[in-house]
């Protein structure tokens, strides 16, 4: 179960303004979701929720233009930087959904679970 007490010690986002505050909060929540998805016994629903979130933000050109708290990095790049180390398969899944032609010759794409 995801709970907001994880944010109690991190008030940096609340003192930031505008887009920078959103970026800090978004990445913090993403860290929490990834952390929960890697230890939770009901992992599948959290991983699917993360995949849906990543699909939406990856498909939105405006999201790719937002900057992360780290200089020279977009918020989309930072989001993948949070997710990929723990759930590396998600990037490939999202890429194949957004661009089915990215399947390597001879590779059979995975069928979604029913």
N, C-alpha and C. Protein backbone atom coordinates (compact mmCIF):
# COMPACT_ATOMS: atom_id res chain seq x y z
N UNK A 1 0.84 -1.17 0.00
CA UNK A 1 0.00 0.00 0.00
C UNK A 1 0.90 1.24 0.00
N UNK A 2 0.58 2.16 -0.86
CA UNK A 2 1.34 3.40 -0.99
C UNK A 2 0.81 4.42 0.02
N UNK A 3 1.72 5.04 0.75
CA UNK A 3 1.28 6.05 1.69
C UNK A 3 2.17 7.28 1.59
N UNK A 4 1.62 8.42 1.88
CA UNK A 4 2.34 9.67 1.76
C UNK A 4 3.30 9.99 2.90
N UNK A 5 3.34 9.22 3.99
CA UNK A 5 4.35 9.53 5.00
C UNK A 5 5.77 9.48 4.46
N UNK A 6 5.98 8.79 3.33
CA UNK A 6 7.30 8.79 2.70
C UNK A 6 7.75 10.22 2.40
N UNK A 7 6.81 11.11 2.19
CA UNK A 7 7.13 12.49 1.83
C UNK A 7 7.38 13.39 3.03
N UNK A 8 7.07 12.90 4.21
CA UNK A 8 7.16 13.74 5.40
C UNK A 8 8.55 14.35 5.60
N UNK A 9 9.59 13.58 5.36
CA UNK A 9 10.94 14.10 5.56
C UNK A 9 11.45 14.92 4.40
N UNK A 10 10.73 14.94 3.32
CA UNK A 10 11.20 15.65 2.14
C UNK A 10 10.26 16.79 1.82
N UNK A 11 10.54 17.96 2.34
CA UNK A 11 9.67 19.12 2.10
C UNK A 11 10.25 20.04 1.04
N UNK A 12 11.34 19.63 0.41
CA UNK A 12 11.97 20.46 -0.61
C UNK A 12 11.00 20.86 -1.71
N UNK A 13 10.12 19.92 -2.11
CA UNK A 13 9.18 20.21 -3.18
C UNK A 13 8.19 21.30 -2.78
N UNK A 14 7.87 21.37 -1.50
CA UNK A 14 6.88 22.35 -1.05
C UNK A 14 7.44 23.77 -1.05
N UNK A 15 8.75 23.90 -0.92
CA UNK A 15 9.34 25.23 -0.90
C UNK A 15 9.77 25.69 -2.28
N UNK A 16 9.73 24.78 -3.25
CA UNK A 16 10.06 25.14 -4.62
C UNK A 16 8.85 25.77 -5.27
N UNK A 17 9.09 26.45 -6.37
CA UNK A 17 7.95 27.08 -7.03
C UNK A 17 7.74 26.51 -8.41
N UNK A 18 6.51 26.55 -8.85
CA UNK A 18 6.15 26.20 -10.21
C UNK A 18 6.61 24.84 -10.67
N UNK A 19 7.19 24.83 -11.88
CA UNK A 19 7.57 23.60 -12.54
C UNK A 19 8.66 22.85 -11.78
N UNK A 20 9.59 23.56 -11.16
CA UNK A 20 10.64 22.88 -10.39
C UNK A 20 10.02 22.09 -9.24
N UNK A 21 9.05 22.67 -8.56
CA UNK A 21 8.36 21.98 -7.48
C UNK A 21 7.65 20.74 -7.98
N UNK A 22 6.99 20.85 -9.13
CA UNK A 22 6.32 19.69 -9.71
C UNK A 22 7.33 18.59 -10.04
N UNK A 23 8.46 18.95 -10.62
CA UNK A 23 9.48 17.96 -10.99
C UNK A 23 9.99 17.20 -9.78
N UNK A 24 10.28 17.92 -8.72
CA UNK A 24 10.79 17.30 -7.49
C UNK A 24 9.75 16.35 -6.91
N UNK A 25 8.50 16.82 -6.81
CA UNK A 25 7.43 15.99 -6.27
C UNK A 25 7.18 14.77 -7.16
N UNK A 26 7.12 14.98 -8.47
CA UNK A 26 6.88 13.87 -9.40
C UNK A 26 7.95 12.79 -9.25
N UNK A 27 9.21 13.18 -9.23
CA UNK A 27 10.30 12.20 -9.12
C UNK A 27 10.28 11.50 -7.76
N UNK A 28 9.94 12.22 -6.71
CA UNK A 28 9.86 11.60 -5.38
C UNK A 28 8.76 10.55 -5.36
N UNK A 29 7.60 10.88 -5.89
CA UNK A 29 6.50 9.91 -5.95
C UNK A 29 6.86 8.71 -6.83
N UNK A 30 7.56 8.96 -7.92
CA UNK A 30 7.99 7.87 -8.79
C UNK A 30 8.96 6.93 -8.05
N UNK A 31 9.88 7.50 -7.29
CA UNK A 31 10.79 6.68 -6.46
C UNK A 31 9.99 5.78 -5.52
N UNK A 32 8.97 6.34 -4.90
CA UNK A 32 8.15 5.58 -3.96
C UNK A 32 7.42 4.45 -4.69
N UNK A 33 6.81 4.75 -5.82
CA UNK A 33 6.10 3.73 -6.58
C UNK A 33 7.03 2.59 -7.02
N UNK A 34 8.20 2.94 -7.51
CA UNK A 34 9.16 1.92 -7.94
C UNK A 34 9.59 1.09 -6.75
N UNK A 35 9.86 1.73 -5.64
CA UNK A 35 10.27 1.02 -4.43
C UNK A 35 9.18 0.04 -3.99
N UNK A 36 7.95 0.49 -3.98
CA UNK A 36 6.84 -0.37 -3.59
C UNK A 36 6.63 -1.51 -4.59
N UNK A 37 6.81 -1.23 -5.87
CA UNK A 37 6.61 -2.25 -6.91
C UNK A 37 7.66 -3.34 -6.85
N UNK A 38 8.81 -3.05 -6.31
CA UNK A 38 9.88 -4.06 -6.27
C UNK A 38 9.83 -4.92 -5.01
N UNK A 39 9.06 -4.53 -4.01
CA UNK A 39 8.99 -5.33 -2.78
C UNK A 39 7.58 -5.80 -2.45
N UNK A 40 6.61 -5.21 -3.02
CA UNK A 40 5.21 -5.50 -2.73
C UNK A 40 4.85 -6.91 -3.19
N UNK A 41 4.04 -7.60 -2.40
CA UNK A 41 3.60 -8.93 -2.81
C UNK A 41 2.61 -8.84 -3.97
N UNK A 42 1.90 -7.75 -4.06
CA UNK A 42 1.00 -7.53 -5.20
C UNK A 42 1.69 -6.63 -6.21
N UNK A 43 2.84 -7.06 -6.66
CA UNK A 43 3.70 -6.28 -7.55
C UNK A 43 3.04 -5.94 -8.89
N UNK A 44 2.35 -6.89 -9.46
CA UNK A 44 1.81 -6.72 -10.82
C UNK A 44 0.95 -5.46 -10.99
N UNK A 45 0.00 -5.18 -10.10
CA UNK A 45 -0.80 -3.96 -10.29
C UNK A 45 0.04 -2.68 -10.26
N UNK A 46 1.04 -2.62 -9.39
CA UNK A 46 1.89 -1.43 -9.34
C UNK A 46 2.75 -1.30 -10.59
N UNK A 47 3.27 -2.40 -11.08
CA UNK A 47 4.07 -2.36 -12.30
C UNK A 47 3.21 -1.93 -13.48
N UNK A 48 1.97 -2.43 -13.54
CA UNK A 48 1.06 -2.02 -14.62
C UNK A 48 0.72 -0.53 -14.51
N UNK A 49 0.52 -0.04 -13.31
CA UNK A 49 0.25 1.39 -13.12
C UNK A 49 1.44 2.23 -13.55
N UNK A 50 2.64 1.78 -13.19
CA UNK A 50 3.85 2.49 -13.63
C UNK A 50 3.97 2.47 -15.14
N UNK A 51 3.68 1.33 -15.75
CA UNK A 51 3.76 1.24 -17.21
C UNK A 51 2.78 2.22 -17.86
N UNK A 52 1.56 2.29 -17.32
CA UNK A 52 0.57 3.22 -17.87
C UNK A 52 1.03 4.66 -17.71
N UNK A 53 1.56 5.00 -16.55
CA UNK A 53 2.08 6.35 -16.32
C UNK A 53 3.20 6.67 -17.30
N UNK A 54 4.13 5.74 -17.47
CA UNK A 54 5.26 5.95 -18.38
C UNK A 54 4.81 6.04 -19.84
N UNK A 55 3.78 5.29 -20.20
CA UNK A 55 3.23 5.39 -21.56
C UNK A 55 2.68 6.79 -21.80
N UNK A 56 1.92 7.30 -20.84
CA UNK A 56 1.31 8.62 -21.00
C UNK A 56 2.38 9.71 -21.09
N UNK A 57 3.34 9.69 -20.18
CA UNK A 57 4.34 10.76 -20.19
C UNK A 57 5.30 10.63 -21.37
N UNK A 58 5.54 9.40 -21.83
CA UNK A 58 6.43 9.21 -22.99
C UNK A 58 5.77 9.65 -24.28
N UNK A 59 4.45 9.55 -24.34
CA UNK A 59 3.72 9.93 -25.55
C UNK A 59 3.42 11.42 -25.61
N UNK A 60 3.59 12.12 -24.51
CA UNK A 60 3.26 13.54 -24.44
C UNK A 60 4.51 14.38 -24.72
N UNK A 61 4.57 15.04 -25.87
CA UNK A 61 5.76 15.83 -26.20
C UNK A 61 6.04 16.94 -25.19
N UNK A 62 5.00 17.49 -24.58
CA UNK A 62 5.19 18.56 -23.59
C UNK A 62 5.95 18.04 -22.36
N UNK A 63 5.69 16.81 -21.98
CA UNK A 63 6.37 16.26 -20.80
C UNK A 63 7.87 16.10 -21.08
N UNK A 64 8.21 15.77 -22.31
CA UNK A 64 9.61 15.63 -22.68
C UNK A 64 10.37 16.94 -22.69
N UNK A 65 9.66 18.05 -22.65
CA UNK A 65 10.30 19.37 -22.64
C UNK A 65 10.49 19.93 -21.23
N UNK A 66 9.84 19.31 -20.25
CA UNK A 66 9.99 19.78 -18.86
C UNK A 66 11.38 19.44 -18.36
N UNK A 67 11.96 20.33 -17.59
CA UNK A 67 13.30 20.04 -17.07
C UNK A 67 13.18 19.38 -15.70
N UNK A 68 14.16 18.55 -15.42
CA UNK A 68 14.23 17.90 -14.11
C UNK A 68 15.03 18.80 -13.18
N UNK A 69 15.08 18.46 -11.90
CA UNK A 69 15.90 19.25 -10.99
C UNK A 69 17.39 19.21 -11.35
N UNK A 70 17.79 18.19 -12.10
CA UNK A 70 19.19 18.06 -12.51
C UNK A 70 19.41 18.85 -13.81
N UNK A 71 20.40 19.72 -13.81
CA UNK A 71 20.70 20.57 -14.96
C UNK A 71 20.94 19.74 -16.23
N UNK A 72 20.33 20.14 -17.35
CA UNK A 72 20.55 19.51 -18.63
C UNK A 72 19.83 18.19 -18.85
N UNK A 73 18.88 17.85 -17.98
CA UNK A 73 18.16 16.59 -18.09
C UNK A 73 16.66 16.89 -18.12
N UNK A 74 15.94 16.23 -19.03
CA UNK A 74 14.49 16.43 -19.06
C UNK A 74 13.85 15.60 -17.95
N UNK A 75 12.63 15.95 -17.61
CA UNK A 75 11.91 15.20 -16.58
C UNK A 75 11.64 13.77 -17.06
N UNK A 76 11.42 13.60 -18.36
CA UNK A 76 11.21 12.26 -18.90
C UNK A 76 12.48 11.41 -18.74
N UNK A 77 13.64 11.98 -19.05
CA UNK A 77 14.90 11.25 -18.87
C UNK A 77 15.11 10.90 -17.39
N UNK A 78 14.80 11.85 -16.52
CA UNK A 78 14.95 11.61 -15.09
C UNK A 78 13.99 10.51 -14.62
N UNK A 79 12.77 10.51 -15.15
CA UNK A 79 11.80 9.47 -14.78
C UNK A 79 12.32 8.09 -15.17
N UNK A 80 12.83 7.96 -16.38
CA UNK A 80 13.40 6.68 -16.79
C UNK A 80 14.62 6.32 -15.95
N UNK A 81 15.36 7.31 -15.53
CA UNK A 81 16.51 7.06 -14.67
C UNK A 81 16.11 6.49 -13.32
N UNK A 82 14.91 6.81 -12.86
CA UNK A 82 14.39 6.27 -11.61
C UNK A 82 13.88 4.85 -11.82
N UNK A 83 13.19 4.62 -12.92
CA UNK A 83 12.51 3.34 -13.15
C UNK A 83 13.44 2.25 -13.69
N UNK A 84 14.27 2.58 -14.65
CA UNK A 84 15.06 1.58 -15.38
C UNK A 84 15.96 0.70 -14.50
N UNK A 85 16.64 1.22 -13.48
CA UNK A 85 17.50 0.33 -12.69
C UNK A 85 16.74 -0.80 -12.00
N UNK A 86 15.53 -0.55 -11.55
CA UNK A 86 14.76 -1.57 -10.83
C UNK A 86 13.84 -2.37 -11.73
N UNK A 87 13.34 -1.74 -12.78
CA UNK A 87 12.38 -2.39 -13.69
C UNK A 87 12.80 -2.16 -15.14
N UNK A 88 13.94 -2.71 -15.54
CA UNK A 88 14.48 -2.43 -16.88
C UNK A 88 13.58 -2.87 -18.03
N UNK A 89 12.75 -3.87 -17.80
CA UNK A 89 11.89 -4.38 -18.87
C UNK A 89 10.80 -3.38 -19.25
N UNK A 90 10.46 -2.47 -18.36
CA UNK A 90 9.39 -1.51 -18.66
C UNK A 90 9.73 -0.59 -19.82
N UNK A 91 10.97 -0.18 -19.92
CA UNK A 91 11.35 0.75 -21.00
C UNK A 91 11.13 0.08 -22.36
N UNK A 92 11.52 -1.18 -22.46
CA UNK A 92 11.34 -1.91 -23.72
C UNK A 92 9.85 -2.09 -24.03
N UNK A 93 9.07 -2.45 -23.01
CA UNK A 93 7.62 -2.63 -23.21
C UNK A 93 6.98 -1.33 -23.70
N UNK A 94 7.31 -0.23 -23.06
CA UNK A 94 6.74 1.06 -23.44
C UNK A 94 7.19 1.44 -24.84
N UNK A 95 8.45 1.22 -25.16
CA UNK A 95 8.98 1.53 -26.50
C UNK A 95 8.25 0.73 -27.57
N UNK A 96 8.00 -0.55 -27.30
CA UNK A 96 7.31 -1.39 -28.29
C UNK A 96 5.84 -1.00 -28.46
N UNK A 97 5.22 -0.55 -27.38
CA UNK A 97 3.83 -0.10 -27.49
C UNK A 97 3.76 1.19 -28.30
N UNK A 98 4.67 2.11 -28.03
CA UNK A 98 4.66 3.40 -28.74
C UNK A 98 5.14 3.26 -30.18
N UNK A 99 6.02 2.29 -30.45
CA UNK A 99 6.56 2.09 -31.79
C UNK A 99 6.72 0.60 -32.06
N UNK A 100 5.63 -0.07 -32.49
CA UNK A 100 5.69 -1.52 -32.73
C UNK A 100 6.72 -1.90 -33.80
N UNK A 101 7.10 -0.97 -34.66
CA UNK A 101 8.08 -1.28 -35.69
C UNK A 101 9.49 -1.44 -35.10
N UNK A 102 9.65 -1.14 -33.81
CA UNK A 102 10.95 -1.26 -33.16
C UNK A 102 11.33 -2.71 -32.83
N UNK A 103 10.43 -3.64 -33.13
CA UNK A 103 10.72 -5.06 -32.90
C UNK A 103 11.86 -5.48 -33.82
N UNK A 104 12.85 -6.13 -33.23
CA UNK A 104 14.00 -6.61 -34.00
C UNK A 104 13.53 -7.71 -34.96
N UNK A 105 14.16 -7.82 -36.15
CA UNK A 105 13.79 -8.89 -37.08
C UNK A 105 13.96 -10.25 -36.41
N UNK A 106 12.95 -11.10 -36.55
CA UNK A 106 12.99 -12.43 -35.98
C UNK A 106 12.53 -12.49 -34.54
N UNK A 107 12.34 -11.33 -33.91
CA UNK A 107 11.89 -11.28 -32.52
C UNK A 107 10.37 -11.33 -32.48
N UNK A 108 9.83 -12.11 -31.57
CA UNK A 108 8.39 -12.18 -31.41
C UNK A 108 8.02 -11.33 -30.21
N UNK A 109 7.19 -10.28 -30.43
CA UNK A 109 6.80 -9.44 -29.29
C UNK A 109 5.97 -10.22 -28.30
N UNK A 110 6.12 -9.88 -27.01
CA UNK A 110 5.35 -10.52 -25.96
C UNK A 110 3.89 -10.14 -26.08
N UNK A 111 3.02 -11.12 -25.83
CA UNK A 111 1.60 -10.83 -25.80
C UNK A 111 1.25 -10.33 -24.42
N UNK A 112 0.37 -9.33 -24.33
CA UNK A 112 -0.03 -8.85 -23.02
C UNK A 112 -0.82 -9.94 -22.29
N UNK A 113 -0.73 -9.98 -20.94
CA UNK A 113 -1.50 -10.96 -20.19
C UNK A 113 -2.99 -10.74 -20.35
N UNK A 114 -3.73 -11.80 -20.31
CA UNK A 114 -5.19 -11.71 -20.48
C UNK A 114 -5.86 -11.67 -19.13
